[in-house]
Amino acid sequence: MTLTALDIYRRTLTSAEEVDSTWWYLGTSTVQVDGHPEMIVSQVETVMVYRARSINDTSYRVPWWEIGVFRDPVTGEIASEWQNPITGARIEAARRFEEGPSGFSIRADGQGGVAMFDAVQAFASLESCDIAITEAHGRVMITQTELKTRSFPGRDGIPDLAAGQGSRSHTVLQWLTDRAELDSGAPSVAATGMYSLELAAPAWLGLEGIAGGARFMVKGLMVKAQPGRPLNPRGWADLQVVYPQYFRDGKIQPRWE
């Protein structure tokens, strides 16, 4: 079966049909300060919903929406405060976040690959995006590398970029699937992967003025799942408590408008 990059990207991230696809992003946030080991700040649980809508034969639009929570790394409960190990200060922590509806479009680049265009994100501005698709050992891998100026969630949600709290960020999303899955012709195929985000430490961590500065990172797993399938039952239950307006009969209801 001949596969195109346009088809591979769509069926792995979303679906050839215009239906919702759900991804779980399960990670850990850390901060790196000169002279100290990397410190864990929180556990991060995010559910992202994607959908692809055809524009024409060589492009489609991918709207997306996400909700998430931050957990205390000691108790596992939704975070309320973070103790800065360097200063000893107890700081009110970021607890939850919502972003979207946002979106981007994907088109064939004329060289056998795909390119992103017309990216719109409420709390970020995309500088560049590189998408590479490779195959080895019966697995197909998509690596998406993004440079953005973006805000990160704080105690009161995600600040607007106009508030001047954004910083330059480097994000890598990498997901894989079996070539056999793609060859099956299924509209949507199973995929798993990993992600990383790096940017300047958010102000609420209380590390401003520290010699050498600080870098903040989030790293974790990304897993595609059925929209109503809770890969993390505890996280799913907590998201329903925090965001009851986005669930109906135990199933997530994305906010597309």
Protein backbone atom coordinates (compact mmCIF):
# COMPACT_ATOMS: atom_id res chain seq x y z
CA MET A 1 0.00 0.00 0.00
CA THR A 2 1.33 3.43 -0.95
CA LEU A 3 1.15 5.86 1.92
CA THR A 4 1.52 9.62 1.72
CA ALA A 5 2.86 11.81 4.51
CA LEU A 6 -0.45 13.68 4.47
CA ASP A 7 -2.32 10.43 5.14
CA ILE A 8 0.14 9.15 7.76
CA TYR A 9 -0.01 12.35 9.81
CA ARG A 10 -3.80 12.51 9.71
CA ARG A 11 -4.55 8.89 10.62
CA THR A 12 -1.97 8.71 13.38
CA LEU A 13 -2.78 12.00 15.11
CA THR A 14 -6.49 12.08 14.29
CA SER A 15 -8.66 10.20 11.82
CA ALA A 16 -9.46 10.16 8.12
CA GLU A 17 -13.04 10.70 9.25
CA GLU A 18 -14.14 13.97 10.84
CA VAL A 19 -14.47 12.58 14.36
CA ASP A 20 -12.77 13.34 17.67
CA SER A 21 -9.49 11.67 18.61
CA THR A 22 -8.29 11.81 22.21
CA TRP A 23 -4.69 11.88 23.41
CA TRP A 24 -3.46 11.59 26.99
CA TYR A 25 -0.32 13.55 27.86
CA LEU A 26 1.09 12.17 31.12
CA GLY A 27 4.23 13.88 32.31
CA THR A 28 6.38 15.47 34.96
CA SER A 29 7.33 19.13 35.24
CA THR A 30 10.79 19.98 36.53
CA VAL A 31 12.95 23.05 36.98
CA GLN A 32 16.71 23.28 36.51
CA VAL A 33 18.67 25.90 38.46
CA ASP A 34 22.43 26.30 38.19
CA GLY A 35 24.20 24.62 41.08
CA HIS A 36 21.27 22.34 41.94
CA PRO A 37 19.95 19.00 40.66
CA GLU A 38 16.85 19.09 38.50
CA MET A 39 13.82 19.48 40.80
CA ILE A 40 10.37 17.97 40.33
CA VAL A 41 7.58 20.55 40.50
CA SER A 42 4.46 18.55 39.63
CA GLN A 43 2.92 15.66 37.78
CA VAL A 44 0.96 16.80 34.73
CA GLU A 45 -2.16 15.09 33.37
CA THR A 46 -3.67 16.43 30.17
CA VAL A 47 -6.36 15.22 27.80
CA MET A 48 -6.18 16.72 24.30
CA VAL A 49 -8.88 16.28 21.69
CA TYR A 50 -8.08 16.64 18.00
CA ARG A 51 -10.23 16.54 14.89
CA ALA A 52 -9.27 16.84 11.22
CA ARG A 53 -11.47 18.69 8.73
CA SER A 54 -10.61 18.48 5.06
CA ILE A 55 -9.87 21.74 3.25
CA ASN A 56 -9.11 20.19 -0.15
CA ASP A 57 -7.29 17.13 -1.54
CA THR A 58 -3.90 18.31 -0.26
CA SER A 59 -4.68 19.95 3.08
CA TYR A 60 -6.82 19.75 6.20
CA ARG A 61 -7.49 21.76 9.33
CA VAL A 62 -6.77 20.30 12.79
CA PRO A 63 -8.69 22.05 15.58
CA TRP A 64 -7.66 20.99 19.09
CA TRP A 65 -8.69 21.58 22.68
CA GLU A 66 -7.25 20.48 26.00
CA ILE A 67 -7.91 20.35 29.72
CA GLY A 68 -5.46 19.31 32.40
CA VAL A 69 -4.46 19.28 36.04
CA PHE A 70 -1.21 19.50 38.00
CA ARG A 71 -0.61 17.09 40.88
CA ASP A 72 1.49 17.50 43.99
CA PRO A 73 4.51 15.18 43.49
CA VAL A 74 4.36 14.06 47.14
CA THR A 75 0.64 13.51 47.80
CA GLY A 76 -0.62 12.88 44.28
CA GLU A 77 -3.53 15.23 44.94
CA ILE A 78 -4.33 18.19 42.69
CA ALA A 79 -1.69 20.75 43.60
CA SER A 80 -2.43 23.56 46.03
CA GLU A 81 1.08 24.77 46.81
CA TRP A 82 4.70 24.10 45.96
CA GLN A 83 7.60 24.38 48.36
CA ASN A 84 10.60 25.99 46.76
CA PRO A 85 13.50 23.82 48.01
CA ILE A 86 16.04 26.60 47.47
CA THR A 87 14.29 29.43 49.33
CA GLY A 88 12.04 27.32 51.56
CA ALA A 89 9.04 29.42 50.55
CA ARG A 90 5.63 27.79 50.15
CA ILE A 91 4.01 29.12 47.02
CA GLU A 92 0.47 28.81 45.72
CA ALA A 93 0.81 26.46 42.77
CA ALA A 94 -0.82 26.14 39.37
CA ARG A 95 -3.67 23.63 39.70
CA ARG A 96 -5.39 23.30 36.34
CA PHE A 97 -5.49 24.66 32.81
CA GLU A 98 -7.66 24.76 29.73
CA GLU A 99 -6.61 25.79 26.26
CA GLY A 100 -8.58 26.05 23.06
CA PRO A 101 -10.27 25.79 20.82
CA SER A 102 -7.04 26.31 18.91
CA GLY A 103 -5.85 24.79 15.68
CA PHE A 104 -3.46 24.47 12.77
CA SER A 105 -3.56 23.30 9.18
CA ILE A 106 -1.46 20.63 7.45
CA ARG A 107 -0.66 20.50 3.75
CA ALA A 108 1.51 18.47 1.41
CA ASP A 109 4.82 20.30 1.01
CA GLY A 110 5.46 19.16 -2.57
CA GLN A 111 8.55 17.19 -1.53
CA GLY A 112 6.87 14.10 -0.12
CA GLY A 113 6.36 15.54 3.36
CA VAL A 114 3.94 17.82 5.14
CA ALA A 115 4.08 21.36 6.49
CA MET A 116 2.08 23.21 9.13
CA PHE A 117 0.44 26.55 8.36
CA ASP A 118 -2.13 28.95 9.80
CA ALA A 119 -1.48 27.93 13.42
CA VAL A 120 -3.71 29.71 15.94
CA GLN A 121 -3.22 29.27 19.70
CA ALA A 122 -4.75 31.53 22.31
CA PHE A 123 -1.69 31.72 24.57
CA ALA A 124 1.14 31.17 22.10
CA SER A 125 2.60 32.43 18.85
CA LEU A 126 4.23 29.85 16.56
CA GLU A 127 7.63 30.82 15.17
CA SER A 128 8.42 27.61 13.27
CA CYS A 129 7.41 23.96 13.02
CA ASP A 130 9.32 21.08 11.44
CA ILE A 131 7.58 17.75 10.82
CA ALA A 132 9.64 14.67 9.92
CA ILE A 133 8.20 11.25 9.08
CA THR A 134 10.53 8.24 9.09
CA GLU A 135 10.19 4.45 9.04
CA ALA A 136 12.32 1.72 10.59
CA HIS A 137 11.82 -1.82 11.94
CA GLY A 138 8.18 -1.89 10.90
CA ARG A 139 7.38 1.31 12.81
CA VAL A 140 6.49 4.72 11.40
CA MET A 141 7.56 7.73 13.46
CA ILE A 142 6.36 11.33 13.29
CA THR A 143 8.55 13.96 14.97
CA GLN A 144 7.13 17.47 15.30
CA THR A 145 9.46 20.20 16.57
CA GLU A 146 7.99 23.60 17.42
CA LEU A 147 9.49 26.94 18.43
CA LYS A 148 6.99 29.32 20.02
CA THR A 149 6.62 32.26 22.30
CA ARG A 150 4.11 31.03 24.85
CA SER A 151 2.65 31.51 28.30
CA PHE A 152 2.54 28.71 30.85
CA PRO A 153 -0.29 28.07 33.32
CA GLY A 154 -0.08 29.82 36.67
CA ARG A 155 -2.24 30.08 39.76
CA ASP A 156 -4.96 31.97 37.88
CA GLY A 157 -4.91 30.05 34.60
CA ILE A 158 -2.86 30.81 31.50
CA PRO A 159 -1.87 34.48 31.18
CA ASP A 160 -2.43 36.18 27.86
CA LEU A 161 0.72 36.86 25.84
CA ALA A 162 -0.10 40.56 26.08
CA ALA A 163 0.57 40.32 29.83
CA GLY A 164 4.26 39.95 29.02
CA GLN A 165 4.72 36.64 30.85
CA GLY A 166 5.46 34.53 27.79
CA SER A 167 8.86 33.12 26.89
CA ARG A 168 10.45 31.33 23.97
CA SER A 169 9.73 27.61 24.13
CA HIS A 170 11.00 24.47 22.43
CA THR A 171 8.53 21.59 22.06
CA VAL A 172 9.05 18.13 20.58
CA LEU A 173 6.16 15.75 20.00
CA GLN A 174 7.08 12.29 18.73
CA TRP A 175 4.60 9.50 18.13
CA LEU A 176 4.83 6.08 16.48
CA THR A 177 2.61 3.40 15.03
CA ASP A 178 3.06 0.03 13.33
CA ARG A 179 3.33 0.14 9.56
CA ALA A 180 0.86 -2.75 9.53
CA GLU A 181 -1.71 -0.52 11.25
CA LEU A 182 -1.41 2.04 8.49
CA ASP A 183 -1.50 -0.64 5.78
CA SER A 184 -4.81 -1.91 7.20
CA GLY A 185 -6.55 1.17 5.83
CA ALA A 186 -8.26 1.91 9.16
CA PRO A 187 -9.43 5.55 9.34
CA SER A 188 -7.67 5.99 12.70
CA VAL A 189 -4.72 3.94 13.95
CA ALA A 190 -3.26 3.32 17.39
CA ALA A 191 -0.24 5.43 18.32
CA THR A 192 1.94 6.18 21.33
CA GLY A 193 4.87 8.46 21.89
CA MET A 194 6.62 10.99 24.07
CA TYR A 195 6.89 14.75 24.39
CA SER A 196 9.06 17.48 25.87
CA LEU A 197 8.60 21.19 26.47
CA GLU A 198 11.28 23.62 27.63
CA LEU A 199 10.90 27.31 28.46
CA ALA A 200 11.88 29.91 31.05
CA ALA A 201 10.72 29.16 34.59
CA PRO A 202 7.25 30.64 35.27
CA ALA A 203 7.30 33.58 37.70
CA TRP A 204 5.09 31.81 40.25
CA LEU A 205 7.91 29.36 41.07
CA GLY A 206 9.66 32.17 42.93
CA LEU A 207 13.00 31.70 41.19
CA GLU A 208 13.36 35.13 39.65
CA GLY A 209 16.68 36.71 40.45
CA ILE A 210 18.41 33.37 41.06
CA ALA A 211 21.96 33.54 39.68
CA GLY A 212 22.18 31.88 36.28
CA GLY A 213 18.43 31.80 35.80
CA ALA A 214 16.22 28.74 35.62
CA ARG A 215 14.79 26.53 32.88
CA PHE A 216 11.45 24.80 33.21
CA MET A 217 10.66 21.49 31.51
CA VAL A 218 7.73 19.14 31.06
CA LYS A 219 8.46 15.62 29.78
CA GLY A 220 6.22 12.62 29.47
CA LEU A 221 4.26 10.07 27.49
CA MET A 222 1.53 10.67 24.95
CA VAL A 223 -1.03 7.94 24.25
CA LYS A 224 -3.90 7.93 21.76
CA ALA A 225 -7.12 6.49 23.15
CA GLN A 226 -10.80 6.17 22.39
CA PRO A 227 -12.67 9.38 23.39
CA GLY A 228 -14.54 7.67 26.23
CA ARG A 229 -11.72 5.43 27.41
CA PRO A 230 -10.08 6.69 30.64
CA LEU A 231 -6.47 5.51 30.48
CA ASN A 232 -5.95 7.07 33.92
CA PRO A 233 -9.17 6.52 35.91
CA ARG A 234 -8.10 8.82 38.74
CA GLY A 235 -7.18 11.60 36.34
CA TRP A 236 -10.43 11.12 34.43
CA ALA A 237 -12.45 11.34 37.66
CA ASP A 238 -10.63 14.49 38.78
CA LEU A 239 -11.08 16.17 35.40
CA GLN A 240 -14.82 15.59 35.69
CA VAL A 241 -14.81 17.26 39.12
CA VAL A 242 -12.73 20.23 37.93
CA TYR A 243 -14.46 20.60 34.55
CA PRO A 244 -17.99 19.17 34.95
CA GLN A 245 -19.27 21.36 32.09
CA TYR A 246 -17.16 19.40 29.61
CA PHE A 247 -18.49 15.94 30.45
CA ARG A 248 -21.79 14.25 29.71
CA ASP A 249 -22.62 10.73 30.86
CA GLY A 250 -18.96 10.23 31.71
CA LYS A 251 -17.77 11.20 28.22
CA ILE A 252 -15.77 14.28 27.34
CA GLN A 253 -17.51 17.00 25.35
CA PRO A 254 -14.93 19.21 23.62
CA ARG A 255 -15.49 22.96 23.40
CA TRP A 256 -15.13 23.68 19.68
CA GLU A 257 -16.66 27.16 19.72
